[in-house]
Each structure stands twice: as C-alpha cells, then as structure tokens.
Amino acid sequence: MFQILFDRTISWPQPIYSSLFIPRNFRLLEELERGEKGIGDGTVSYGMDDGDDIYMRSWTGTITGPHNLFCDKDYPEKPPIVRFHSRVNMTCVNHETRVVYEFNKVDK
C-alpha cells in the first residue's frame, strides 16, 4: 500500500531549455499550424505544397512587406541584392544588415 504525504514540499529540478532537442517533425508541425491559423502579423504566409508528404519537405511561402531589391549592372548574371526592413529569422539572411547572402558565396 502506498501512502501519499501532502505536507511535504517537493522541489523539482529546473529544466534546461537550451539543451532541449525538439524533433524535426514536431517543429515543422508547429510551424505548419502557425501558418494555417495565420498566427503572426500577416506579413508571412506559408503552407505545404503536398499535404500527403509525410516528411514535410516542400513548402510554399510568401513574404510581404517592405523589402528592397537592388539589381546591379551585372543582373541577370548576378542575382539582385535583397534587404528586408523587418527582422527575418532565416539562415540565408544576415541578422545585422538584413541582407540575403549571395547563394554562391561560401563565406557568410
């Protein structure tokens, strides 16, 4: 027989969220739900290309809002420079300058 004592204070260890690993599909499902429900300021919309893709690899998205495109004299041989006015959390965007890295540039 188990006896439960309610007069004791149990101190649980504090979770360490920085070392918490979230599986890829859980994160993608969370992102998909945010996109389908329109959570956010409305400047980004996205969803799955194919709802039957169980690996969730192919997405379609649109980023609206203020951003600049600069086509240098070498365009179209050289891609335009894209700069976002608002913060964008993407690995291809410099977080300080908000400029999209050149795709063929190795040094980021």
PDB file of N, CA and C in Angstrom:
ATOM      1  N   MET A   1       0.838  -1.167   0.000  1.00  0.00           N
ATOM      2  CA  MET A   1       0.000   0.000   0.000  1.00  0.00           C
ATOM      3  C   MET A   1       0.896   1.246   0.000  1.00  0.00           C
ATOM      4  N   PHE A   2       0.540   2.221  -0.833  1.00  0.00           N
ATOM      5  CA  PHE A   2       1.306   3.452  -0.939  1.00  0.00           C
ATOM      6  C   PHE A   2       0.635   4.540  -0.120  1.00  0.00           C
ATOM      7  N   GLN A   3       1.428   5.318   0.533  1.00  0.00           N
ATOM      8  CA  GLN A   3       0.904   6.440   1.303  1.00  0.00           C
ATOM      9  C   GLN A   3       1.430   7.724   0.683  1.00  0.00           C
ATOM     10  N   ILE A   4       0.538   8.636   0.383  1.00  0.00           N
ATOM     11  CA  ILE A   4       0.919   9.903  -0.218  1.00  0.00           C
ATOM     12  C   ILE A   4       0.863  10.971   0.863  1.00  0.00           C
ATOM     13  N   LEU A   5       1.944  11.664   1.037  1.00  0.00           N
ATOM     14  CA  LEU A   5       2.014  12.714   2.044  1.00  0.00           C
ATOM     15  C   LEU A   5       1.932  14.067   1.356  1.00  0.00           C
ATOM     16  N   PHE A   6       0.946  14.858   1.710  1.00  0.00           N
ATOM     17  CA  PHE A   6       0.742  16.153   1.075  1.00  0.00           C
ATOM     18  C   PHE A   6       1.396  17.309   1.831  1.00  0.00           C
ATOM     19  N   ASP A   7       1.984  17.024   2.974  1.00  0.00           N
ATOM     20  CA  ASP A   7       2.555  18.099   3.758  1.00  0.00           C
ATOM     21  C   ASP A   7       4.027  18.355   3.442  1.00  0.00           C
ATOM     22  N   ARG A   8       4.566  17.712   2.472  1.00  0.00           N
ATOM     23  CA  ARG A   8       5.959  17.910   2.099  1.00  0.00           C
ATOM     24  C   ARG A   8       6.043  18.772   0.844  1.00  0.00           C
ATOM     25  N   THR A   9       7.062  19.575   0.793  1.00  0.00           N
ATOM     26  CA  THR A   9       7.319  20.396  -0.386  1.00  0.00           C
ATOM     27  C   THR A   9       8.358  19.693  -1.241  1.00  0.00           C
ATOM     28  N   ILE A  10       8.011  19.477  -2.461  1.00  0.00           N
ATOM     29  CA  ILE A  10       8.930  18.815  -3.387  1.00  0.00           C
ATOM     30  C   ILE A  10       9.511  19.880  -4.295  1.00  0.00           C
ATOM     31  N   SER A  11      10.800  19.944  -4.358  1.00  0.00           N
ATOM     32  CA  SER A  11      11.426  20.895  -5.280  1.00  0.00           C
ATOM     33  C   SER A  11      11.941  20.111  -6.479  1.00  0.00           C
ATOM     34  N   TRP A  12      11.404  20.454  -7.627  1.00  0.00           N
ATOM     35  CA  TRP A  12      11.778  19.799  -8.871  1.00  0.00           C
ATOM     36  C   TRP A  12      12.971  20.505  -9.473  1.00  0.00           C
ATOM     37  N   PRO A  13      13.834  19.792 -10.152  1.00  0.00           N
ATOM     38  CA  PRO A  13      14.965  20.462 -10.809  1.00  0.00           C
ATOM     39  C   PRO A  13      14.459  21.371 -11.929  1.00  0.00           C
ATOM     40  N   GLN A  14      15.127  22.481 -12.097  1.00  0.00           N
ATOM     41  CA  GLN A  14      14.758  23.427 -13.148  1.00  0.00           C
ATOM     42  C   GLN A  14      15.117  22.844 -14.509  1.00  0.00           C
ATOM     43  N   PRO A  15      14.201  22.917 -15.476  1.00  0.00           N
ATOM     44  CA  PRO A  15      14.516  22.386 -16.807  1.00  0.00           C
ATOM     45  C   PRO A  15      15.560  23.252 -17.505  1.00  0.00           C
ATOM     46  N   ILE A  16      16.367  22.621 -18.304  1.00  0.00           N
ATOM     47  CA  ILE A  16      17.381  23.331 -19.085  1.00  0.00           C
ATOM     48  C   ILE A  16      16.901  23.341 -20.526  1.00  0.00           C
ATOM     49  N   TYR A  17      16.231  24.439 -20.921  1.00  0.00           N
ATOM     50  CA  TYR A  17      15.623  24.503 -22.244  1.00  0.00           C
ATOM     51  C   TYR A  17      16.645  24.662 -23.355  1.00  0.00           C
ATOM     52  N   SER A  18      17.811  25.196 -23.039  1.00  0.00           N
ATOM     53  CA  SER A  18      18.799  25.393 -24.098  1.00  0.00           C
ATOM     54  C   SER A  18      19.327  24.074 -24.634  1.00  0.00           C
ATOM     55  N   SER A  19      19.254  23.004 -23.836  1.00  0.00           N
ATOM     56  CA  SER A  19      19.747  21.720 -24.311  1.00  0.00           C
ATOM     57  C   SER A  19      18.619  20.796 -24.747  1.00  0.00           C
ATOM     58  N   LEU A  20      17.400  21.315 -24.767  1.00  0.00           N
ATOM     59  CA  LEU A  20      16.241  20.520 -25.165  1.00  0.00           C
ATOM     60  C   LEU A  20      16.228  20.362 -26.678  1.00  0.00           C
ATOM     61  N   PHE A  21      16.100  19.140 -27.141  1.00  0.00           N
ATOM     62  CA  PHE A  21      16.058  18.863 -28.576  1.00  0.00           C
ATOM     63  C   PHE A  21      14.623  18.587 -28.992  1.00  0.00           C
ATOM     64  N   ILE A  22      14.126  19.361 -29.948  1.00  0.00           N
ATOM     65  CA  ILE A  22      12.780  19.160 -30.471  1.00  0.00           C
ATOM     66  C   ILE A  22      12.916  18.453 -31.817  1.00  0.00           C
ATOM     67  N   PRO A  23      12.278  17.288 -31.965  1.00  0.00           N
ATOM     68  CA  PRO A  23      12.380  16.565 -33.240  1.00  0.00           C
ATOM     69  C   PRO A  23      11.892  17.412 -34.413  1.00  0.00           C
ATOM     70  N   ARG A  24      12.484  17.194 -35.558  1.00  0.00           N
ATOM     71  CA  ARG A  24      12.211  17.954 -36.779  1.00  0.00           C
ATOM     72  C   ARG A  24      10.721  18.014 -37.085  1.00  0.00           C
ATOM     73  N   ASN A  25      10.052  16.871 -37.101  1.00  0.00           N
ATOM     74  CA  ASN A  25       8.635  16.864 -37.479  1.00  0.00           C
ATOM     75  C   ASN A  25       7.761  17.605 -36.474  1.00  0.00           C
ATOM     76  N   PHE A  26       8.116  17.567 -35.188  1.00  0.00           N
ATOM     77  CA  PHE A  26       7.345  18.324 -34.202  1.00  0.00           C
ATOM     78  C   PHE A  26       7.455  19.813 -34.483  1.00  0.00           C
ATOM     79  N   ARG A  27       8.662  20.261 -34.785  1.00  0.00           N
ATOM     80  CA  ARG A  27       8.873  21.683 -35.076  1.00  0.00           C
ATOM     81  C   ARG A  27       8.131  22.077 -36.351  1.00  0.00           C
ATOM     82  N   LEU A  28       8.205  21.228 -37.373  1.00  0.00           N
ATOM     83  CA  LEU A  28       7.522  21.533 -38.632  1.00  0.00           C
ATOM     84  C   LEU A  28       6.004  21.528 -38.460  1.00  0.00           C
ATOM     85  N   LEU A  29       5.473  20.617 -37.664  1.00  0.00           N
ATOM     86  CA  LEU A  29       4.033  20.612 -37.399  1.00  0.00           C
ATOM     87  C   LEU A  29       3.607  21.894 -36.689  1.00  0.00           C
ATOM     88  N   GLU A  30       4.435  22.347 -35.766  1.00  0.00           N
ATOM     89  CA  GLU A  30       4.150  23.608 -35.070  1.00  0.00           C
ATOM     90  C   GLU A  30       4.157  24.773 -36.055  1.00  0.00           C
ATOM     91  N   GLU A  31       5.149  24.806 -36.942  1.00  0.00           N
ATOM     92  CA  GLU A  31       5.230  25.860 -37.952  1.00  0.00           C
ATOM     93  C   GLU A  31       4.034  25.810 -38.899  1.00  0.00           C
ATOM     94  N   LEU A  32       3.640  24.602 -39.306  1.00  0.00           N
ATOM     95  CA  LEU A  32       2.501  24.449 -40.207  1.00  0.00           C
ATOM     96  C   LEU A  32       1.221  24.960 -39.544  1.00  0.00           C
ATOM     97  N   GLU A  33       1.043  24.626 -38.286  1.00  0.00           N
ATOM     98  CA  GLU A  33      -0.141  25.091 -37.563  1.00  0.00           C
ATOM     99  C   GLU A  33      -0.176  26.618 -37.491  1.00  0.00           C
ATOM    100  N   ARG A  34       0.977  27.235 -37.237  1.00  0.00           N
ATOM    101  CA  ARG A  34       1.043  28.697 -37.189  1.00  0.00           C
ATOM    102  C   ARG A  34       0.697  29.289 -38.550  1.00  0.00           C
ATOM    103  N   GLY A  35       1.183  28.665 -39.613  1.00  0.00           N
ATOM    104  CA  GLY A  35       0.896  29.168 -40.946  1.00  0.00           C
ATOM    105  C   GLY A  35      -0.559  29.009 -41.337  1.00  0.00           C
ATOM    106  N   GLU A  36      -1.149  27.867 -40.984  1.00  0.00           N
ATOM    107  CA  GLU A  36      -2.553  27.617 -41.327  1.00  0.00           C
ATOM    108  C   GLU A  36      -3.511  28.493 -40.535  1.00  0.00           C
ATOM    109  N   LYS A  37      -3.161  28.791 -39.287  1.00  0.00           N
ATOM    110  CA  LYS A  37      -4.025  29.610 -38.442  1.00  0.00           C
ATOM    111  C   LYS A  37      -3.770  31.102 -38.619  1.00  0.00           C
ATOM    112  N   GLY A  38      -2.740  31.444 -39.382  1.00  0.00           N
ATOM    113  CA  GLY A  38      -2.449  32.845 -39.603  1.00  0.00           C
ATOM    114  C   GLY A  38      -1.926  33.554 -38.371  1.00  0.00           C
ATOM    115  N   ILE A  39      -1.208  32.815 -37.517  1.00  0.00           N
ATOM    116  CA  ILE A  39      -0.651  33.410 -36.305  1.00  0.00           C
ATOM    117  C   ILE A  39       0.521  34.297 -36.695  1.00  0.00           C
ATOM    118  N   GLY A  40       0.531  35.504 -36.207  1.00  0.00           N
ATOM    119  CA  GLY A  40       1.586  36.453 -36.532  1.00  0.00           C
ATOM    120  C   GLY A  40       0.992  37.744 -37.046  1.00  0.00           C
ATOM    121  N   ASP A  41       1.819  38.570 -37.646  1.00  0.00           N
ATOM    122  CA  ASP A  41       1.352  39.883 -38.094  1.00  0.00           C
ATOM    123  C   ASP A  41       0.804  39.888 -39.515  1.00  0.00           C
ATOM    124  N   GLY A  42       0.781  38.736 -40.166  1.00  0.00           N
ATOM    125  CA  GLY A  42       0.194  38.652 -41.500  1.00  0.00           C
ATOM    126  C   GLY A  42       1.136  38.953 -42.645  1.00  0.00           C
ATOM    127  N   THR A  43       2.394  39.238 -42.357  1.00  0.00           N
ATOM    128  CA  THR A  43       3.331  39.546 -43.438  1.00  0.00           C
ATOM    129  C   THR A  43       3.944  38.301 -44.053  1.00  0.00           C
ATOM    130  N   VAL A  44       3.758  37.160 -43.408  1.00  0.00           N
ATOM    131  CA  VAL A  44       4.303  35.899 -43.914  1.00  0.00           C
ATOM    132  C   VAL A  44       3.176  34.884 -43.981  1.00  0.00           C
ATOM    133  N   SER A  45       3.052  34.232 -45.118  1.00  0.00           N
ATOM    134  CA  SER A  45       2.098  33.138 -45.242  1.00  0.00           C
ATOM    135  C   SER A  45       2.822  31.942 -45.841  1.00  0.00           C
ATOM    136  N   TYR A  46       2.460  30.761 -45.379  1.00  0.00           N
ATOM    137  CA  TYR A  46       3.136  29.561 -45.852  1.00  0.00           C
ATOM    138  C   TYR A  46       2.273  28.343 -45.582  1.00  0.00           C
ATOM    139  N   GLY A  47       2.601  27.276 -46.273  1.00  0.00           N
ATOM    140  CA  GLY A  47       1.897  26.019 -46.114  1.00  0.00           C
ATOM    141  C   GLY A  47       2.594  24.937 -46.916  1.00  0.00           C
ATOM    142  N   MET A  48       2.052  23.747 -46.839  1.00  0.00           N
ATOM    143  CA  MET A  48       2.642  22.602 -47.531  1.00  0.00           C
ATOM    144  C   MET A  48       2.262  22.606 -49.006  1.00  0.00           C
ATOM    145  N   ASP A  49       3.221  22.243 -49.851  1.00  0.00           N
ATOM    146  CA  ASP A  49       2.933  22.039 -51.273  1.00  0.00           C
ATOM    147  C   ASP A  49       2.057  20.811 -51.465  1.00  0.00           C
ATOM    148  N   ASP A  50       2.398  19.752 -50.748  1.00  0.00           N
ATOM    149  CA  ASP A  50       1.699  18.473 -50.885  1.00  0.00           C
ATOM    150  C   ASP A  50       1.326  17.981 -49.495  1.00  0.00           C
ATOM    151  N   GLY A  51       0.062  17.953 -49.174  1.00  0.00           N
ATOM    152  CA  GLY A  51      -0.404  17.522 -47.868  1.00  0.00           C
ATOM    153  C   GLY A  51      -0.123  16.060 -47.569  1.00  0.00           C
ATOM    154  N   ASP A  52       0.193  15.270 -48.599  1.00  0.00           N
ATOM    155  CA  ASP A  52       0.491  13.858 -48.402  1.00  0.00           C
ATOM    156  C   ASP A  52       1.970  13.587 -48.159  1.00  0.00           C
ATOM    157  N   ASP A  53       2.803  14.623 -48.204  1.00  0.00           N
ATOM    158  CA  ASP A  53       4.248  14.470 -47.984  1.00  0.00           C
ATOM    159  C   ASP A  53       4.503  14.302 -46.489  1.00  0.00           C
ATOM    160  N   ILE A  54       4.702  13.055 -46.043  1.00  0.00           N
ATOM    161  CA  ILE A  54       4.860  12.794 -44.611  1.00  0.00           C
ATOM    162  C   ILE A  54       6.186  13.332 -44.062  1.00  0.00           C
ATOM    163  N   TYR A  55       7.146  13.627 -44.929  1.00  0.00           N
ATOM    164  CA  TYR A  55       8.427  14.171 -44.474  1.00  0.00           C
ATOM    165  C   TYR A  55       8.425  15.697 -44.410  1.00  0.00           C
ATOM    166  N   MET A  56       7.350  16.312 -44.885  1.00  0.00           N
ATOM    167  CA  MET A  56       7.150  17.762 -44.823  1.00  0.00           C
ATOM    168  C   MET A  56       8.342  18.525 -45.419  1.00  0.00           C
ATOM    169  N   ARG A  57       8.717  18.163 -46.642  1.00  0.00           N
ATOM    170  CA  ARG A  57       9.898  18.752 -47.264  1.00  0.00           C
ATOM    171  C   ARG A  57       9.599  19.948 -48.133  1.00  0.00           C
ATOM    172  N   SER A  58       8.464  19.981 -48.796  1.00  0.00           N
ATOM    173  CA  SER A  58       8.214  21.018 -49.795  1.00  0.00           C
ATOM    174  C   SER A  58       7.140  21.987 -49.309  1.00  0.00           C
ATOM    175  N   TRP A  59       7.515  23.246 -49.189  1.00  0.00           N
ATOM    176  CA  TRP A  59       6.629  24.295 -48.679  1.00  0.00           C
ATOM    177  C   TRP A  59       6.515  25.412 -49.695  1.00  0.00           C
ATOM    178  N   THR A  60       5.437  26.153 -49.620  1.00  0.00           N
ATOM    179  CA  THR A  60       5.249  27.354 -50.421  1.00  0.00           C
ATOM    180  C   THR A  60       5.023  28.502 -49.448  1.00  0.00           C
ATOM    181  N   GLY A  61       5.668  29.626 -49.707  1.00  0.00           N
ATOM    182  CA  GLY A  61       5.504  30.748 -48.798  1.00  0.00           C
ATOM    183  C   GLY A  61       5.623  32.079 -49.508  1.00  0.00           C
ATOM    184  N   THR A  62       5.084  33.093 -48.865  1.00  0.00           N
ATOM    185  CA  THR A  62       5.141  34.452 -49.377  1.00  0.00           C
ATOM    186  C   THR A  62       5.520  35.378 -48.232  1.00  0.00           C
ATOM    187  N   ILE A  63       6.472  36.255 -48.489  1.00  0.00           N
ATOM    188  CA  ILE A  63       6.850  37.271 -47.516  1.00  0.00           C
ATOM    189  C   ILE A  63       6.438  38.615 -48.091  1.00  0.00           C
ATOM    190  N   THR A  64       5.487  39.254 -47.441  1.00  0.00           N
ATOM    191  CA  THR A  64       5.045  40.570 -47.888  1.00  0.00           C
ATOM    192  C   THR A  64       5.625  41.616 -46.949  1.00  0.00           C
ATOM    193  N   GLY A  65       5.528  42.825 -47.360  1.00  0.00           N
ATOM    194  CA  GLY A  65       6.036  43.893 -46.508  1.00  0.00           C
ATOM    195  C   GLY A  65       7.215  44.582 -47.154  1.00  0.00           C
ATOM    196  N   PRO A  66       7.751  45.556 -46.465  1.00  0.00           N
ATOM    197  CA  PRO A  66       8.830  46.330 -47.067  1.00  0.00           C
ATOM    198  C   PRO A  66      10.147  45.574 -47.129  1.00  0.00           C
ATOM    199  N   HIS A  67      10.645  45.433 -48.333  1.00  0.00           N
ATOM    200  CA  HIS A  67      11.991  44.941 -48.565  1.00  0.00           C
ATOM    201  C   HIS A  67      12.482  45.557 -49.868  1.00  0.00           C
ATOM    202  N   ASN A  68      13.789  45.649 -49.989  1.00  0.00           N
ATOM    203  CA  ASN A  68      14.373  46.287 -51.167  1.00  0.00           C
ATOM    204  C   ASN A  68      15.062  45.263 -52.051  1.00  0.00           C
ATOM    205  N   LEU A  69      14.957  45.472 -53.351  1.00  0.00           N
ATOM    206  CA  LEU A  69      15.704  44.696 -54.340  1.00  0.00           C
ATOM    207  C   LEU A  69      16.610  45.661 -55.093  1.00  0.00           C
ATOM    208  N   PHE A  70      17.889  45.298 -55.194  1.00  0.00           N
ATOM    209  CA  PHE A  70      18.831  46.122 -55.936  1.00  0.00           C
ATOM    210  C   PHE A  70      19.435  45.272 -57.037  1.00  0.00           C
ATOM    211  N   CYS A  71      19.156  45.621 -58.278  1.00  0.00           N
ATOM    212  CA  CYS A  71      19.702  44.897 -59.419  1.00  0.00           C
ATOM    213  C   CYS A  71      20.906  45.671 -59.934  1.00  0.00           C
ATOM    214  N   ASP A  72      22.082  45.134 -59.709  1.00  0.00           N
ATOM    215  CA  ASP A  72      23.315  45.777 -60.141  1.00  0.00           C
ATOM    216  C   ASP A  72      23.442  45.680 -61.658  1.00  0.00           C
ATOM    217  N   LYS A  73      24.461  46.307 -62.200  1.00  0.00           N
ATOM    218  CA  LYS A  73      24.655  46.314 -63.657  1.00  0.00           C
ATOM    219  C   LYS A  73      24.913  44.922 -64.222  1.00  0.00           C
ATOM    220  N   ASP A  74      25.304  43.959 -63.363  1.00  0.00           N
ATOM    221  CA  ASP A  74      25.579  42.598 -63.815  1.00  0.00           C
ATOM    222  C   ASP A  74      24.331  41.709 -63.843  1.00  0.00           C
ATOM    223  N   TYR A  75      23.178  42.260 -63.462  1.00  0.00           N
ATOM    224  CA  TYR A  75      21.939  41.483 -63.483  1.00  0.00           C
ATOM    225  C   TYR A  75      21.563  41.190 -64.928  1.00  0.00           C
ATOM    226  N   PRO A  76      21.162  40.007 -65.305  1.00  0.00           N
ATOM    227  CA  PRO A  76      20.728  38.837 -64.542  1.00  0.00           C
ATOM    228  C   PRO A  76      21.822  37.810 -64.270  1.00  0.00           C
ATOM    229  N   GLU A  77      23.061  38.065 -64.712  1.00  0.00           N
ATOM    230  CA  GLU A  77      24.131  37.102 -64.423  1.00  0.00           C
ATOM    231  C   GLU A  77      24.406  37.031 -62.919  1.00  0.00           C
ATOM    232  N   LYS A  78      24.241  38.130 -62.230  1.00  0.00           N
ATOM    233  CA  LYS A  78      24.417  38.194 -60.783  1.00  0.00           C
ATOM    234  C   LYS A  78      23.045  38.462 -60.162  1.00  0.00           C
ATOM    235  N   PRO A  79      22.683  37.699 -59.118  1.00  0.00           N
ATOM    236  CA  PRO A  79      21.343  37.880 -58.531  1.00  0.00           C
ATOM    237  C   PRO A  79      21.197  39.251 -57.879  1.00  0.00           C
ATOM    238  N   PRO A  80      19.975  39.731 -57.758  1.00  0.00           N
ATOM    239  CA  PRO A  80      19.771  41.018 -57.092  1.00  0.00           C
ATOM    240  C   PRO A  80      20.086  40.914 -55.596  1.00  0.00           C
ATOM    241  N   ILE A  81      20.369  42.046 -54.992  1.00  0.00           N
ATOM    242  CA  ILE A  81      20.583  42.107 -53.552  1.00  0.00           C
ATOM    243  C   ILE A  81      19.219  42.356 -52.905  1.00  0.00           C
ATOM    244  N   VAL A  82      18.873  41.536 -51.939  1.00  0.00           N
ATOM    245  CA  VAL A  82      17.589  41.654 -51.255  1.00  0.00           C
ATOM    246  C   VAL A  82      17.865  42.057 -49.813  1.00  0.00           C
ATOM    247  N   ARG A  83      17.206  43.126 -49.366  1.00  0.00           N
ATOM    248  CA  ARG A  83      17.335  43.593 -47.989  1.00  0.00           C
ATOM    249  C   ARG A  83      15.937  43.740 -47.389  1.00  0.00           C
ATOM    250  N   PHE A  84      15.740  43.089 -46.243  1.00  0.00           N
ATOM    251  CA  PHE A  84      14.476  43.176 -45.532  1.00  0.00           C
ATOM    252  C   PHE A  84      14.509  44.356 -44.563  1.00  0.00           C
ATOM    253  N   HIS A  85      13.415  45.076 -44.449  1.00  0.00           N
ATOM    254  CA  HIS A  85      13.316  46.160 -43.482  1.00  0.00           C
ATOM    255  C   HIS A  85      13.043  45.621 -42.091  1.00  0.00           C
ATOM    256  N   SER A  86      12.261  44.557 -41.995  1.00  0.00           N
ATOM    257  CA  SER A  86      11.948  43.962 -40.700  1.00  0.00           C
ATOM    258  C   SER A  86      12.878  42.779 -40.453  1.00  0.00           C
ATOM    259  N   ARG A  87      12.934  42.346 -39.204  1.00  0.00           N
ATOM    260  CA  ARG A  87      13.769  41.199 -38.851  1.00  0.00           C
ATOM    261  C   ARG A  87      13.218  39.935 -39.486  1.00  0.00           C
ATOM    262  N   VAL A  88      14.124  39.116 -40.024  1.00  0.00           N
ATOM    263  CA  VAL A  88      13.751  37.848 -40.636  1.00  0.00           C
ATOM    264  C   VAL A  88      14.673  36.786 -40.052  1.00  0.00           C
ATOM    265  N   ASN A  89      14.097  35.726 -39.532  1.00  0.00           N
ATOM    266  CA  ASN A  89      14.889  34.663 -38.927  1.00  0.00           C
ATOM    267  C   ASN A  89      15.096  33.545 -39.947  1.00  0.00           C
ATOM    268  N   MET A  90      16.053  33.755 -40.824  1.00  0.00           N
ATOM    269  CA  MET A  90      16.403  32.772 -41.848  1.00  0.00           C
ATOM    270  C   MET A  90      17.916  32.683 -41.906  1.00  0.00           C
ATOM    271  N   THR A  91      18.428  31.489 -42.127  1.00  0.00           N
ATOM    272  CA  THR A  91      19.875  31.316 -42.150  1.00  0.00           C
ATOM    273  C   THR A  91      20.532  32.012 -43.329  1.00  0.00           C
ATOM    274  N   CYS A  92      19.781  32.322 -44.360  1.00  0.00           N
ATOM    275  CA  CYS A  92      20.354  32.979 -45.532  1.00  0.00           C
ATOM    276  C   CYS A  92      20.312  34.499 -45.428  1.00  0.00           C
ATOM    277  N   VAL A  93      19.887  35.034 -44.272  1.00  0.00           N
ATOM    278  CA  VAL A  93      19.789  36.481 -44.082  1.00  0.00           C
ATOM    279  C   VAL A  93      20.722  36.894 -42.954  1.00  0.00           C
ATOM    280  N   ASN A  94      21.553  37.898 -43.222  1.00  0.00           N
ATOM    281  CA  ASN A  94      22.433  38.453 -42.199  1.00  0.00           C
ATOM    282  C   ASN A  94      21.561  39.145 -41.157  1.00  0.00           C
ATOM    283  N   HIS A  95      21.711  38.769 -39.893  1.00  0.00           N
ATOM    284  CA  HIS A  95      20.837  39.290 -38.842  1.00  0.00           C
ATOM    285  C   HIS A  95      21.109  40.753 -38.520  1.00  0.00           C
ATOM    286  N   GLU A  96      22.284  41.257 -38.844  1.00  0.00           N
ATOM    287  CA  GLU A  96      22.603  42.658 -38.568  1.00  0.00           C
ATOM    288  C   GLU A  96      22.173  43.571 -39.710  1.00  0.00           C
ATOM    289  N   THR A  97      22.538  43.196 -40.940  1.00  0.00           N
ATOM    290  CA  THR A  97      22.241  44.057 -42.096  1.00  0.00           C
ATOM    291  C   THR A  97      20.902  43.725 -42.740  1.00  0.00           C
ATOM    292  N   ARG A  98      20.362  42.546 -42.429  1.00  0.00           N
ATOM    293  CA  ARG A  98      19.110  42.042 -43.012  1.00  0.00           C
ATOM    294  C   ARG A  98      19.195  41.854 -44.526  1.00  0.00           C
ATOM    295  N   VAL A  99      20.405  41.613 -45.012  1.00  0.00           N
ATOM    296  CA  VAL A  99      20.636  41.379 -46.437  1.00  0.00           C
ATOM    297  C   VAL A  99      20.765  39.876 -46.658  1.00  0.00           C
ATOM    298  N   VAL A 100      20.133  39.386 -47.727  1.00  0.00           N
ATOM    299  CA  VAL A 100      20.219  37.968 -48.084  1.00  0.00           C
ATOM    300  C   VAL A 100      21.613  37.693 -48.614  1.00  0.00           C
ATOM    301  N   TYR A 101      22.245  36.638 -48.078  1.00  0.00           N
ATOM    302  CA  TYR A 101      23.570  36.251 -48.551  1.00  0.00           C
ATOM    303  C   TYR A 101      23.493  35.815 -50.001  1.00  0.00           C
ATOM    304  N   GLU A 102      24.593  36.028 -50.713  1.00  0.00           N
ATOM    305  CA  GLU A 102      24.657  35.543 -52.096  1.00  0.00           C
ATOM    306  C   GLU A 102      24.692  34.024 -52.051  1.00  0.00           C
ATOM    307  N   PHE A 103      23.945  33.395 -52.934  1.00  0.00           N
ATOM    308  CA  PHE A 103      23.831  31.951 -52.916  1.00  0.00           C
ATOM    309  C   PHE A 103      25.138  31.242 -53.248  1.00  0.00           C
ATOM    310  N   ASN A 104      25.966  31.852 -54.079  1.00  0.00           N
ATOM    311  CA  ASN A 104      27.217  31.188 -54.455  1.00  0.00           C
ATOM    312  C   ASN A 104      28.376  31.604 -53.561  1.00  0.00           C
ATOM    313  N   LYS A 105      28.127  32.426 -52.581  1.00  0.00           N
ATOM    314  CA  LYS A 105      29.172  32.887 -51.686  1.00  0.00           C
ATOM    315  C   LYS A 105      29.333  31.880 -50.543  1.00  0.00           C
ATOM    316  N   VAL A 106      30.552  31.417 -50.310  1.00  0.00           N
ATOM    317  CA  VAL A 106      30.798  30.413 -49.276  1.00  0.00           C
ATOM    318  C   VAL A 106      30.951  31.086 -47.918  1.00  0.00           C
ATOM    319  N   ASP A 107      31.654  32.198 -47.845  1.00  0.00           N
ATOM    320  CA  ASP A 107      31.911  32.885 -46.580  1.00  0.00           C
ATOM    321  C   ASP A 107      30.720  33.724 -46.181  1.00  0.00           C
ATOM    322  N   LYS A 108      30.037  33.320 -45.111  1.00  0.00           N
ATOM    323  CA  LYS A 108      28.881  34.072 -44.644  1.00  0.00           C
ATOM    324  C   LYS A 108      29.284  34.832 -43.423  1.00  0.00           C
TER     325      LYS A 108
END
